[in-house]
Amino acid sequence: MPTTDPRVDAYIEKSKDFAKPILVRVRQMVHEACPDVEETMKWSSPFFDYKGQMMCGMAAFKEHCSLIFWKASLIEGVPPNGDPARGSFGRITSVKELPSKKQLTGFIKAAMALNDAGVTVKRPKSAAKPEAKVPKELAGALKKNRKAATVFANFTPSNRREYCEWISEAKREETKEKRVTQAIEWIAEGKSRNWKY
């Protein structure tokens, strides 16, 4: 008897009518190919884990479903995962668009072998955000307050960016002035922009 997660049942039940047979079919094929699979929910979508590692997952959207293999780049025949909404096999709108039972079973067995071997996939780090451009109003106020300027210079790039964006987002000059005044006060006290949270 397969081990199922009631949250996956609920996910399938609340999915659109076109998606239900696709999700049921994927689930069935995963359990047939990998009897020891563990169902779970990750990122609000059903995933299938094997030996404590992610193997594959599925999701339903407004007009399509997706099927994703976590280690797609290491499984021959599985396209690499690009856009998570399209998964490994593009936008799936009917059961006919799924890989054949033989193909999908082969992909699942390959994913299982990778998990058996303890193979992991390193995710690329996202590019570092550029240094925030300091709004002229904040730059002028920092020149007048040495303590705030020193603290601001020693803040992490993300803390500086939060203040710069907060001030830059102000539409009215009065709002911008109020934010600069508040920012200088908080910065001089060593507080990050979202210190209250």
N, C-alpha and C. Protein backbone atom coordinates (compact mmCIF):
# COMPACT_ATOMS: atom_id res chain seq x y z
N MET A 1 0.85 -1.19 0.00
CA MET A 1 0.00 0.00 0.00
C MET A 1 0.88 1.24 0.00
N PRO A 2 0.71 2.15 -0.96
CA PRO A 2 1.56 3.33 -1.02
C PRO A 2 1.32 4.28 0.16
N THR A 3 2.39 4.97 0.54
CA THR A 3 2.28 5.97 1.60
C THR A 3 1.89 7.29 0.94
N THR A 4 0.72 7.78 1.30
CA THR A 4 0.24 9.02 0.71
C THR A 4 0.09 10.09 1.78
N ASP A 5 0.04 11.32 1.32
CA ASP A 5 -0.11 12.47 2.21
C ASP A 5 -1.50 13.08 1.94
N PRO A 6 -2.32 13.22 2.97
CA PRO A 6 -3.66 13.79 2.75
C PRO A 6 -3.63 15.21 2.16
N ARG A 7 -2.52 15.93 2.36
CA ARG A 7 -2.41 17.27 1.77
C ARG A 7 -2.32 17.20 0.25
N VAL A 8 -1.73 16.10 -0.26
CA VAL A 8 -1.67 15.92 -1.71
C VAL A 8 -3.07 15.60 -2.24
N ASP A 9 -3.82 14.78 -1.49
CA ASP A 9 -5.22 14.50 -1.87
C ASP A 9 -6.00 15.81 -1.97
N ALA A 10 -5.84 16.66 -0.97
CA ALA A 10 -6.56 17.94 -0.94
C ALA A 10 -6.12 18.84 -2.09
N TYR A 11 -4.83 18.83 -2.40
CA TYR A 11 -4.30 19.65 -3.51
C TYR A 11 -4.93 19.22 -4.83
N ILE A 12 -4.98 17.91 -5.06
CA ILE A 12 -5.56 17.40 -6.30
C ILE A 12 -7.05 17.74 -6.35
N GLU A 13 -7.73 17.56 -5.24
CA GLU A 13 -9.17 17.80 -5.19
C GLU A 13 -9.53 19.25 -5.52
N LYS A 14 -8.71 20.20 -5.06
CA LYS A 14 -9.04 21.60 -5.29
C LYS A 14 -8.49 22.13 -6.63
N SER A 15 -7.76 21.28 -7.37
CA SER A 15 -7.22 21.69 -8.67
C SER A 15 -8.34 21.75 -9.70
N LYS A 16 -8.08 22.43 -10.80
CA LYS A 16 -9.06 22.55 -11.88
C LYS A 16 -9.31 21.17 -12.49
N ASP A 17 -10.48 21.02 -13.11
CA ASP A 17 -10.88 19.71 -13.64
C ASP A 17 -9.89 19.13 -14.64
N PHE A 18 -9.31 19.98 -15.53
CA PHE A 18 -8.36 19.46 -16.52
C PHE A 18 -7.11 18.90 -15.85
N ALA A 19 -6.75 19.45 -14.68
CA ALA A 19 -5.50 19.09 -14.00
C ALA A 19 -5.60 17.79 -13.20
N LYS A 20 -6.78 17.50 -12.70
CA LYS A 20 -6.94 16.33 -11.81
C LYS A 20 -6.42 15.03 -12.42
N PRO A 21 -6.82 14.67 -13.65
CA PRO A 21 -6.31 13.40 -14.20
C PRO A 21 -4.79 13.40 -14.42
N ILE A 22 -4.24 14.55 -14.72
CA ILE A 22 -2.78 14.66 -14.91
C ILE A 22 -2.07 14.39 -13.59
N LEU A 23 -2.52 15.06 -12.53
CA LEU A 23 -1.90 14.91 -11.22
C LEU A 23 -2.07 13.50 -10.68
N VAL A 24 -3.26 12.93 -10.86
CA VAL A 24 -3.52 11.56 -10.40
C VAL A 24 -2.60 10.58 -11.14
N ARG A 25 -2.45 10.78 -12.44
CA ARG A 25 -1.61 9.88 -13.25
C ARG A 25 -0.14 9.97 -12.85
N VAL A 26 0.36 11.17 -12.66
CA VAL A 26 1.76 11.33 -12.23
C VAL A 26 1.96 10.66 -10.89
N ARG A 27 1.06 10.93 -9.97
CA ARG A 27 1.16 10.34 -8.62
C ARG A 27 1.18 8.81 -8.71
N GLN A 28 0.27 8.26 -9.50
CA GLN A 28 0.18 6.81 -9.65
C GLN A 28 1.48 6.23 -10.21
N MET A 29 2.01 6.87 -11.25
CA MET A 29 3.23 6.36 -11.88
C MET A 29 4.44 6.47 -10.95
N VAL A 30 4.51 7.54 -10.16
CA VAL A 30 5.62 7.68 -9.21
C VAL A 30 5.55 6.56 -8.18
N HIS A 31 4.36 6.29 -7.66
CA HIS A 31 4.22 5.22 -6.65
C HIS A 31 4.50 3.84 -7.23
N GLU A 32 4.10 3.61 -8.48
CA GLU A 32 4.38 2.32 -9.11
C GLU A 32 5.87 2.11 -9.32
N ALA A 33 6.57 3.14 -9.76
CA ALA A 33 8.00 3.03 -10.05
C ALA A 33 8.85 3.05 -8.79
N CYS A 34 8.35 3.72 -7.74
CA CYS A 34 9.13 3.87 -6.51
C CYS A 34 8.22 3.62 -5.30
N PRO A 35 8.03 2.36 -4.93
CA PRO A 35 7.13 2.04 -3.82
C PRO A 35 7.52 2.69 -2.49
N ASP A 36 8.79 3.05 -2.32
CA ASP A 36 9.25 3.65 -1.06
C ASP A 36 9.20 5.17 -1.06
N VAL A 37 8.55 5.75 -2.06
CA VAL A 37 8.48 7.20 -2.16
C VAL A 37 7.69 7.77 -0.98
N GLU A 38 8.07 8.97 -0.57
CA GLU A 38 7.36 9.69 0.49
C GLU A 38 6.77 10.95 -0.12
N GLU A 39 5.46 11.11 0.05
CA GLU A 39 4.81 12.32 -0.43
C GLU A 39 4.94 13.44 0.60
N THR A 40 5.05 14.65 0.10
CA THR A 40 5.11 15.83 0.97
C THR A 40 4.65 17.05 0.18
N MET A 41 4.56 18.16 0.87
CA MET A 41 4.24 19.43 0.22
C MET A 41 5.42 20.36 0.41
N LYS A 42 5.88 20.95 -0.68
CA LYS A 42 6.96 21.93 -0.63
C LYS A 42 6.58 23.07 -1.57
N TRP A 43 6.77 24.29 -1.11
CA TRP A 43 6.40 25.45 -1.91
C TRP A 43 4.94 25.35 -2.35
N SER A 44 4.10 24.83 -1.49
CA SER A 44 2.64 24.69 -1.71
C SER A 44 2.28 23.74 -2.84
N SER A 45 3.19 22.85 -3.23
CA SER A 45 2.93 21.88 -4.29
C SER A 45 3.36 20.49 -3.84
N PRO A 46 2.77 19.45 -4.43
CA PRO A 46 3.16 18.08 -4.07
C PRO A 46 4.57 17.74 -4.57
N PHE A 47 5.34 17.12 -3.70
CA PHE A 47 6.67 16.63 -4.05
C PHE A 47 6.80 15.19 -3.60
N PHE A 48 7.69 14.48 -4.26
CA PHE A 48 7.95 13.09 -3.95
C PHE A 48 9.41 12.95 -3.55
N ASP A 49 9.64 12.52 -2.32
CA ASP A 49 10.99 12.34 -1.79
C ASP A 49 11.32 10.86 -1.74
N TYR A 50 12.60 10.57 -1.90
CA TYR A 50 13.07 9.19 -1.81
C TYR A 50 14.39 9.21 -1.04
N LYS A 51 14.44 8.44 0.01
CA LYS A 51 15.63 8.36 0.88
C LYS A 51 16.04 9.73 1.41
N GLY A 52 15.04 10.53 1.78
CA GLY A 52 15.30 11.82 2.40
C GLY A 52 15.69 12.93 1.45
N GLN A 53 15.67 12.67 0.16
CA GLN A 53 16.03 13.69 -0.81
C GLN A 53 14.88 13.89 -1.80
N MET A 54 14.75 15.11 -2.30
CA MET A 54 13.71 15.37 -3.30
C MET A 54 14.02 14.59 -4.58
N MET A 55 12.94 14.08 -5.17
CA MET A 55 13.10 13.34 -6.40
C MET A 55 12.36 14.08 -7.53
N CYS A 56 11.07 14.31 -7.34
CA CYS A 56 10.30 15.03 -8.34
C CYS A 56 9.10 15.70 -7.69
N GLY A 57 8.46 16.57 -8.45
CA GLY A 57 7.29 17.27 -7.93
C GLY A 57 6.36 17.62 -9.07
N MET A 58 5.15 18.00 -8.69
CA MET A 58 4.16 18.37 -9.70
C MET A 58 3.38 19.58 -9.18
N ALA A 59 2.78 20.31 -10.11
CA ALA A 59 2.01 21.48 -9.72
C ALA A 59 0.92 21.72 -10.75
N ALA A 60 -0.19 22.31 -10.28
CA ALA A 60 -1.29 22.67 -11.16
C ALA A 60 -1.43 24.18 -11.14
N PHE A 61 -1.60 24.75 -12.32
CA PHE A 61 -1.79 26.18 -12.47
C PHE A 61 -3.16 26.42 -13.12
N LYS A 62 -3.44 27.64 -13.50
CA LYS A 62 -4.75 27.97 -14.07
C LYS A 62 -5.04 27.19 -15.35
N GLU A 63 -4.03 27.07 -16.21
CA GLU A 63 -4.28 26.45 -17.51
C GLU A 63 -3.31 25.33 -17.88
N HIS A 64 -2.44 24.97 -16.96
CA HIS A 64 -1.50 23.88 -17.25
C HIS A 64 -0.99 23.27 -15.95
N CYS A 65 -0.31 22.14 -16.11
CA CYS A 65 0.38 21.49 -14.99
C CYS A 65 1.86 21.42 -15.33
N SER A 66 2.66 21.17 -14.30
CA SER A 66 4.09 20.98 -14.53
C SER A 66 4.56 19.77 -13.77
N LEU A 67 5.60 19.16 -14.29
CA LEU A 67 6.26 18.02 -13.66
C LEU A 67 7.74 18.35 -13.65
N ILE A 68 8.34 18.30 -12.48
CA ILE A 68 9.74 18.71 -12.34
C ILE A 68 10.54 17.60 -11.68
N PHE A 69 11.71 17.33 -12.23
CA PHE A 69 12.66 16.42 -11.59
C PHE A 69 13.74 17.27 -10.95
N TRP A 70 13.98 17.06 -9.67
CA TRP A 70 14.89 17.90 -8.92
C TRP A 70 16.31 17.83 -9.47
N LYS A 71 16.71 16.67 -9.95
CA LYS A 71 18.07 16.50 -10.48
C LYS A 71 18.02 16.30 -12.00
N ALA A 72 17.16 17.06 -12.66
CA ALA A 72 16.93 16.92 -14.10
C ALA A 72 18.21 16.98 -14.91
N SER A 73 19.13 17.84 -14.51
CA SER A 73 20.37 18.01 -15.28
C SER A 73 21.23 16.75 -15.28
N LEU A 74 20.95 15.81 -14.37
CA LEU A 74 21.74 14.59 -14.27
C LEU A 74 21.02 13.36 -14.81
N ILE A 75 19.78 13.54 -15.27
CA ILE A 75 18.99 12.42 -15.77
C ILE A 75 18.90 12.51 -17.29
N GLU A 76 19.44 11.51 -17.96
CA GLU A 76 19.44 11.52 -19.42
C GLU A 76 18.02 11.50 -19.96
N GLY A 77 17.75 12.41 -20.89
CA GLY A 77 16.44 12.47 -21.51
C GLY A 77 15.48 13.46 -20.87
N VAL A 78 15.81 13.94 -19.67
CA VAL A 78 14.95 14.92 -19.00
C VAL A 78 15.51 16.31 -19.29
N PRO A 79 14.70 17.16 -19.90
CA PRO A 79 15.18 18.52 -20.16
C PRO A 79 15.49 19.23 -18.84
N PRO A 80 16.49 20.12 -18.84
CA PRO A 80 16.81 20.83 -17.60
C PRO A 80 15.64 21.70 -17.15
N ASN A 81 15.53 21.88 -15.85
CA ASN A 81 14.46 22.71 -15.31
C ASN A 81 14.78 24.17 -15.54
N GLY A 82 13.94 24.82 -16.24
CA GLY A 82 14.09 26.25 -16.46
C GLY A 82 13.10 26.99 -15.58
N ASP A 83 12.07 27.46 -16.19
CA ASP A 83 10.99 28.14 -15.48
C ASP A 83 10.23 27.10 -14.64
N PRO A 84 10.16 27.30 -13.30
CA PRO A 84 9.48 26.32 -12.46
C PRO A 84 8.01 26.10 -12.85
N ALA A 85 7.38 27.09 -13.45
CA ALA A 85 5.98 26.93 -13.84
C ALA A 85 5.83 25.96 -15.02
N ARG A 86 6.90 25.77 -15.78
CA ARG A 86 6.84 24.84 -16.91
C ARG A 86 7.49 23.51 -16.57
N GLY A 87 8.30 23.46 -15.54
CA GLY A 87 8.92 22.21 -15.14
C GLY A 87 9.83 21.62 -16.19
N SER A 88 10.00 20.30 -16.12
CA SER A 88 10.92 19.61 -17.01
C SER A 88 10.33 19.30 -18.38
N PHE A 89 9.01 19.31 -18.48
CA PHE A 89 8.37 18.86 -19.71
C PHE A 89 7.43 19.89 -20.33
N GLY A 90 7.63 21.14 -20.01
CA GLY A 90 6.80 22.19 -20.57
C GLY A 90 5.43 22.24 -19.91
N ARG A 91 4.54 23.00 -20.51
CA ARG A 91 3.18 23.16 -19.98
C ARG A 91 2.36 21.94 -20.36
N ILE A 92 1.94 21.20 -19.38
CA ILE A 92 1.17 19.97 -19.61
C ILE A 92 -0.31 20.30 -19.42
N THR A 93 -1.09 20.09 -20.48
CA THR A 93 -2.52 20.42 -20.40
C THR A 93 -3.43 19.20 -20.50
N SER A 94 -2.84 18.02 -20.78
CA SER A 94 -3.63 16.78 -20.80
C SER A 94 -2.71 15.61 -20.48
N VAL A 95 -3.32 14.50 -20.12
CA VAL A 95 -2.56 13.28 -19.80
C VAL A 95 -1.72 12.84 -21.00
N LYS A 96 -2.22 13.09 -22.22
CA LYS A 96 -1.50 12.69 -23.43
C LYS A 96 -0.14 13.37 -23.56
N GLU A 97 0.02 14.53 -22.90
CA GLU A 97 1.27 15.28 -23.00
C GLU A 97 2.33 14.82 -21.99
N LEU A 98 1.97 13.91 -21.11
CA LEU A 98 2.94 13.36 -20.16
C LEU A 98 3.88 12.41 -20.89
N PRO A 99 5.09 12.22 -20.37
CA PRO A 99 5.95 11.18 -20.95
C PRO A 99 5.22 9.84 -20.84
N SER A 100 5.58 8.90 -21.71
CA SER A 100 4.95 7.58 -21.66
C SER A 100 5.28 6.92 -20.31
N LYS A 101 4.51 5.90 -19.98
CA LYS A 101 4.74 5.19 -18.72
C LYS A 101 6.17 4.65 -18.68
N LYS A 102 6.64 4.10 -19.79
CA LYS A 102 7.99 3.54 -19.86
C LYS A 102 9.03 4.64 -19.64
N GLN A 103 8.85 5.79 -20.33
CA GLN A 103 9.80 6.90 -20.17
C GLN A 103 9.81 7.42 -18.74
N LEU A 104 8.63 7.69 -18.21
CA LEU A 104 8.55 8.27 -16.87
C LEU A 104 9.10 7.30 -15.83
N THR A 105 8.83 6.01 -15.99
CA THR A 105 9.38 5.01 -15.07
C THR A 105 10.91 5.04 -15.14
N GLY A 106 11.46 5.16 -16.34
CA GLY A 106 12.91 5.24 -16.50
C GLY A 106 13.49 6.48 -15.82
N PHE A 107 12.81 7.62 -15.96
CA PHE A 107 13.28 8.86 -15.31
C PHE A 107 13.23 8.72 -13.79
N ILE A 108 12.16 8.11 -13.30
CA ILE A 108 12.02 7.94 -11.84
C ILE A 108 13.10 7.00 -11.32
N LYS A 109 13.36 5.90 -12.03
CA LYS A 109 14.41 4.95 -11.61
C LYS A 109 15.78 5.64 -11.61
N ALA A 110 16.02 6.49 -12.61
CA ALA A 110 17.30 7.22 -12.66
C ALA A 110 17.40 8.19 -11.49
N ALA A 111 16.30 8.86 -11.15
CA ALA A 111 16.30 9.77 -10.01
C ALA A 111 16.52 9.01 -8.72
N MET A 112 15.92 7.83 -8.62
CA MET A 112 16.12 6.99 -7.43
C MET A 112 17.59 6.60 -7.29
N ALA A 113 18.21 6.21 -8.42
CA ALA A 113 19.62 5.80 -8.38
C ALA A 113 20.50 6.96 -7.90
N LEU A 114 20.19 8.17 -8.33
CA LEU A 114 20.96 9.33 -7.88
C LEU A 114 20.80 9.53 -6.37
N ASN A 115 19.58 9.37 -5.88
CA ASN A 115 19.35 9.50 -4.43
C ASN A 115 20.02 8.36 -3.67
N ASP A 116 19.98 7.14 -4.24
CA ASP A 116 20.66 6.00 -3.61
C ASP A 116 22.16 6.28 -3.46
N ALA A 117 22.73 6.94 -4.46
CA ALA A 117 24.16 7.24 -4.45
C ALA A 117 24.49 8.49 -3.64
N GLY A 118 23.46 9.17 -3.15
CA GLY A 118 23.69 10.37 -2.34
C GLY A 118 24.12 11.57 -3.15
N VAL A 119 23.85 11.55 -4.45
CA VAL A 119 24.23 12.66 -5.33
C VAL A 119 23.36 13.87 -5.03
N THR A 120 23.99 15.01 -4.93
CA THR A 120 23.25 16.26 -4.73
C THR A 120 23.55 17.19 -5.90
N VAL A 121 22.64 18.12 -6.11
CA VAL A 121 22.82 19.10 -7.18
C VAL A 121 23.01 20.45 -6.52
N LYS A 122 24.11 21.09 -6.85
CA LYS A 122 24.36 22.43 -6.31
C LYS A 122 23.56 23.43 -7.12
N ARG A 123 22.83 24.24 -6.42
CA ARG A 123 22.04 25.28 -7.08
C ARG A 123 22.94 26.50 -7.28
N PRO A 124 22.87 27.12 -8.44
CA PRO A 124 23.71 28.30 -8.67
C PRO A 124 23.27 29.44 -7.75
N LYS A 125 24.27 30.15 -7.25
CA LYS A 125 23.97 31.30 -6.41
C LYS A 125 23.46 32.43 -7.29
N SER A 126 22.49 33.14 -6.77
CA SER A 126 21.99 34.28 -7.53
C SER A 126 23.05 35.37 -7.50
N ALA A 127 23.05 36.16 -8.54
CA ALA A 127 24.03 37.24 -8.65
C ALA A 127 23.81 38.26 -7.54
N ALA A 128 24.91 38.76 -7.03
CA ALA A 128 24.81 39.76 -5.97
C ALA A 128 24.19 41.03 -6.53
N LYS A 129 23.34 41.65 -5.72
CA LYS A 129 22.71 42.90 -6.14
C LYS A 129 23.76 44.00 -6.12
N PRO A 130 23.66 44.93 -7.06
CA PRO A 130 24.63 46.03 -7.06
C PRO A 130 24.41 46.94 -5.86
N GLU A 131 25.43 47.68 -5.52
CA GLU A 131 25.34 48.64 -4.41
C GLU A 131 24.23 49.64 -4.73
N ALA A 132 23.44 49.95 -3.72
CA ALA A 132 22.31 50.87 -3.90
C ALA A 132 22.82 52.29 -4.18
N LYS A 133 22.09 52.97 -5.05
CA LYS A 133 22.40 54.37 -5.32
C LYS A 133 21.75 55.21 -4.22
N VAL A 134 22.57 55.97 -3.51
CA VAL A 134 22.07 56.77 -2.39
C VAL A 134 21.35 58.00 -2.93
N PRO A 135 20.06 58.17 -2.59
CA PRO A 135 19.34 59.36 -3.05
C PRO A 135 20.02 60.63 -2.57
N LYS A 136 19.99 61.67 -3.40
CA LYS A 136 20.69 62.92 -3.06
C LYS A 136 20.22 63.49 -1.73
N GLU A 137 18.93 63.34 -1.40
CA GLU A 137 18.41 63.87 -0.14
C GLU A 137 19.05 63.16 1.05
N LEU A 138 19.20 61.84 0.94
CA LEU A 138 19.83 61.08 2.02
C LEU A 138 21.33 61.39 2.09
N ALA A 139 21.97 61.48 0.94
CA ALA A 139 23.41 61.79 0.92
C ALA A 139 23.67 63.14 1.59
N GLY A 140 22.84 64.14 1.29
CA GLY A 140 23.00 65.47 1.90
C GLY A 140 22.81 65.42 3.40
N ALA A 141 21.80 64.67 3.86
CA ALA A 141 21.54 64.57 5.30
C ALA A 141 22.66 63.82 6.02
N LEU A 142 23.24 62.82 5.37
CA LEU A 142 24.34 62.06 5.98
C LEU A 142 25.58 62.94 6.13
N LYS A 143 25.81 63.87 5.19
CA LYS A 143 26.95 64.78 5.29
C LYS A 143 26.84 65.68 6.51
N LYS A 144 25.61 65.96 6.93
CA LYS A 144 25.38 66.84 8.07
C LYS A 144 25.40 66.10 9.41
N ASN A 145 25.39 64.78 9.37
CA ASN A 145 25.36 63.99 10.61
C ASN A 145 26.46 62.94 10.55
N ARG A 146 27.60 63.26 11.18
CA ARG A 146 28.78 62.39 11.10
C ARG A 146 28.51 61.00 11.67
N LYS A 147 27.80 60.93 12.80
CA LYS A 147 27.52 59.64 13.43
C LYS A 147 26.69 58.75 12.49
N ALA A 148 25.63 59.34 11.93
CA ALA A 148 24.78 58.58 11.01
C ALA A 148 25.57 58.15 9.77
N ALA A 149 26.43 59.02 9.28
CA ALA A 149 27.24 58.70 8.10
C ALA A 149 28.17 57.52 8.37
N THR A 150 28.76 57.50 9.55
CA THR A 150 29.67 56.40 9.92
C THR A 150 28.90 55.09 10.03
N VAL A 151 27.76 55.13 10.71
CA VAL A 151 26.95 53.91 10.87
C VAL A 151 26.48 53.42 9.50
N PHE A 152 26.00 54.34 8.66
CA PHE A 152 25.51 53.99 7.33
C PHE A 152 26.62 53.33 6.51
N ALA A 153 27.82 53.88 6.58
CA ALA A 153 28.95 53.33 5.83
C ALA A 153 29.30 51.92 6.29
N ASN A 154 29.05 51.63 7.57
CA ASN A 154 29.36 50.31 8.13
C ASN A 154 28.21 49.32 8.04
N PHE A 155 27.04 49.77 7.59
CA PHE A 155 25.90 48.87 7.39
C PHE A 155 26.23 47.86 6.31
N THR A 156 25.52 46.74 6.33
CA THR A 156 25.64 45.77 5.23
C THR A 156 25.02 46.38 3.98
N PRO A 157 25.40 45.91 2.80
CA PRO A 157 24.80 46.45 1.58
C PRO A 157 23.27 46.35 1.58
N SER A 158 22.72 45.26 2.13
CA SER A 158 21.27 45.13 2.14
C SER A 158 20.62 46.16 3.06
N ASN A 159 21.25 46.47 4.19
CA ASN A 159 20.70 47.51 5.07
C ASN A 159 20.73 48.88 4.40
N ARG A 160 21.81 49.18 3.71
CA ARG A 160 21.89 50.46 2.99
C ARG A 160 20.82 50.50 1.90
N ARG A 161 20.68 49.38 1.17
CA ARG A 161 19.71 49.31 0.08
C ARG A 161 18.29 49.54 0.58
N GLU A 162 17.95 48.97 1.75
CA GLU A 162 16.59 49.14 2.29
C GLU A 162 16.28 50.62 2.53
N TYR A 163 17.22 51.35 3.11
CA TYR A 163 17.00 52.78 3.34
C TYR A 163 16.90 53.54 2.01
N CYS A 164 17.81 53.25 1.10
CA CYS A 164 17.81 53.96 -0.19
C CYS A 164 16.51 53.72 -0.96
N GLU A 165 16.05 52.48 -0.97
CA GLU A 165 14.81 52.18 -1.69
C GLU A 165 13.62 52.83 -1.01
N TRP A 166 13.58 52.81 0.31
CA TRP A 166 12.47 53.40 1.06
C TRP A 166 12.33 54.89 0.74
N ILE A 167 13.44 55.56 0.70
CA ILE A 167 13.42 57.00 0.41
C ILE A 167 13.11 57.25 -1.06
N SER A 168 13.71 56.47 -1.96
CA SER A 168 13.49 56.65 -3.40
C SER A 168 12.05 56.37 -3.81
N GLU A 169 11.38 55.49 -3.08
CA GLU A 169 10.00 55.12 -3.44
C GLU A 169 8.99 56.22 -3.10
N ALA A 170 9.37 57.16 -2.27
CA ALA A 170 8.44 58.23 -1.89
C ALA A 170 8.08 59.06 -3.12
N LYS A 171 6.80 59.29 -3.32
CA LYS A 171 6.33 60.03 -4.49
C LYS A 171 6.33 61.54 -4.24
N ARG A 172 5.95 61.94 -3.05
CA ARG A 172 5.85 63.37 -2.74
C ARG A 172 7.11 63.83 -2.00
N GLU A 173 7.49 65.08 -2.23
CA GLU A 173 8.68 65.64 -1.57
C GLU A 173 8.52 65.66 -0.06
N GLU A 174 7.30 65.95 0.43
CA GLU A 174 7.08 65.98 1.89
C GLU A 174 7.33 64.61 2.50
N THR A 175 6.87 63.57 1.80
CA THR A 175 7.08 62.20 2.28
C THR A 175 8.56 61.87 2.28
N LYS A 176 9.23 62.26 1.22
CA LYS A 176 10.66 61.99 1.10
C LYS A 176 11.42 62.67 2.25
N GLU A 177 11.06 63.93 2.55
CA GLU A 177 11.72 64.66 3.64
C GLU A 177 11.49 63.97 4.98
N LYS A 178 10.26 63.55 5.23
CA LYS A 178 9.94 62.85 6.49
C LYS A 178 10.75 61.57 6.61
N ARG A 179 10.85 60.84 5.50
CA ARG A 179 11.59 59.57 5.52
C ARG A 179 13.08 59.81 5.75
N VAL A 180 13.63 60.83 5.14
CA VAL A 180 15.05 61.15 5.35
C VAL A 180 15.29 61.50 6.81
N THR A 181 14.42 62.33 7.39
CA THR A 181 14.57 62.70 8.80
C THR A 181 14.51 61.47 9.69
N GLN A 182 13.51 60.60 9.44
CA GLN A 182 13.38 59.38 10.23
C GLN A 182 14.58 58.47 10.02
N ALA A 183 15.04 58.35 8.78
CA ALA A 183 16.17 57.49 8.46
C ALA A 183 17.43 57.94 9.20
N ILE A 184 17.71 59.23 9.19
CA ILE A 184 18.91 59.74 9.86
C ILE A 184 18.84 59.43 11.36
N GLU A 185 17.67 59.59 11.94
CA GLU A 185 17.50 59.29 13.37
C GLU A 185 17.78 57.82 13.66
N TRP A 186 17.17 56.93 12.87
CA TRP A 186 17.36 55.49 13.08
C TRP A 186 18.79 55.06 12.78
N ILE A 187 19.35 55.57 11.70
CA ILE A 187 20.72 55.19 11.33
C ILE A 187 21.69 55.61 12.43
N ALA A 188 21.54 56.82 12.95
CA ALA A 188 22.42 57.31 14.03
C ALA A 188 22.33 56.41 15.26
N GLU A 189 21.17 55.78 15.45
CA GLU A 189 20.98 54.85 16.57
C GLU A 189 21.45 53.44 16.23
N GLY A 190 21.92 53.24 15.01
CA GLY A 190 22.42 51.94 14.59
C GLY A 190 21.33 50.97 14.17
N LYS A 191 20.13 51.49 13.89
CA LYS A 191 19.00 50.63 13.56
C LYS A 191 18.89 50.42 12.05
N SER A 192 18.58 49.18 11.69
CA SER A 192 18.32 48.90 10.27
C SER A 192 16.94 49.45 9.93
N ARG A 193 16.63 49.53 8.67
CA ARG A 193 15.37 50.11 8.22
C ARG A 193 14.16 49.39 8.86
N ASN A 194 14.21 48.09 8.90
CA ASN A 194 13.09 47.31 9.43
C ASN A 194 13.38 46.80 10.84
N TRP A 195 13.98 47.63 11.66
CA TRP A 195 14.37 47.21 13.01
C TRP A 195 13.20 46.80 13.87
N LYS A 196 12.02 47.30 13.60
CA LYS A 196 10.84 46.97 14.42
C LYS A 196 10.40 45.53 14.23
N TYR A 197 10.78 44.96 13.10
CA TYR A 197 10.31 43.61 12.77
C TYR A 197 11.38 42.62 13.09
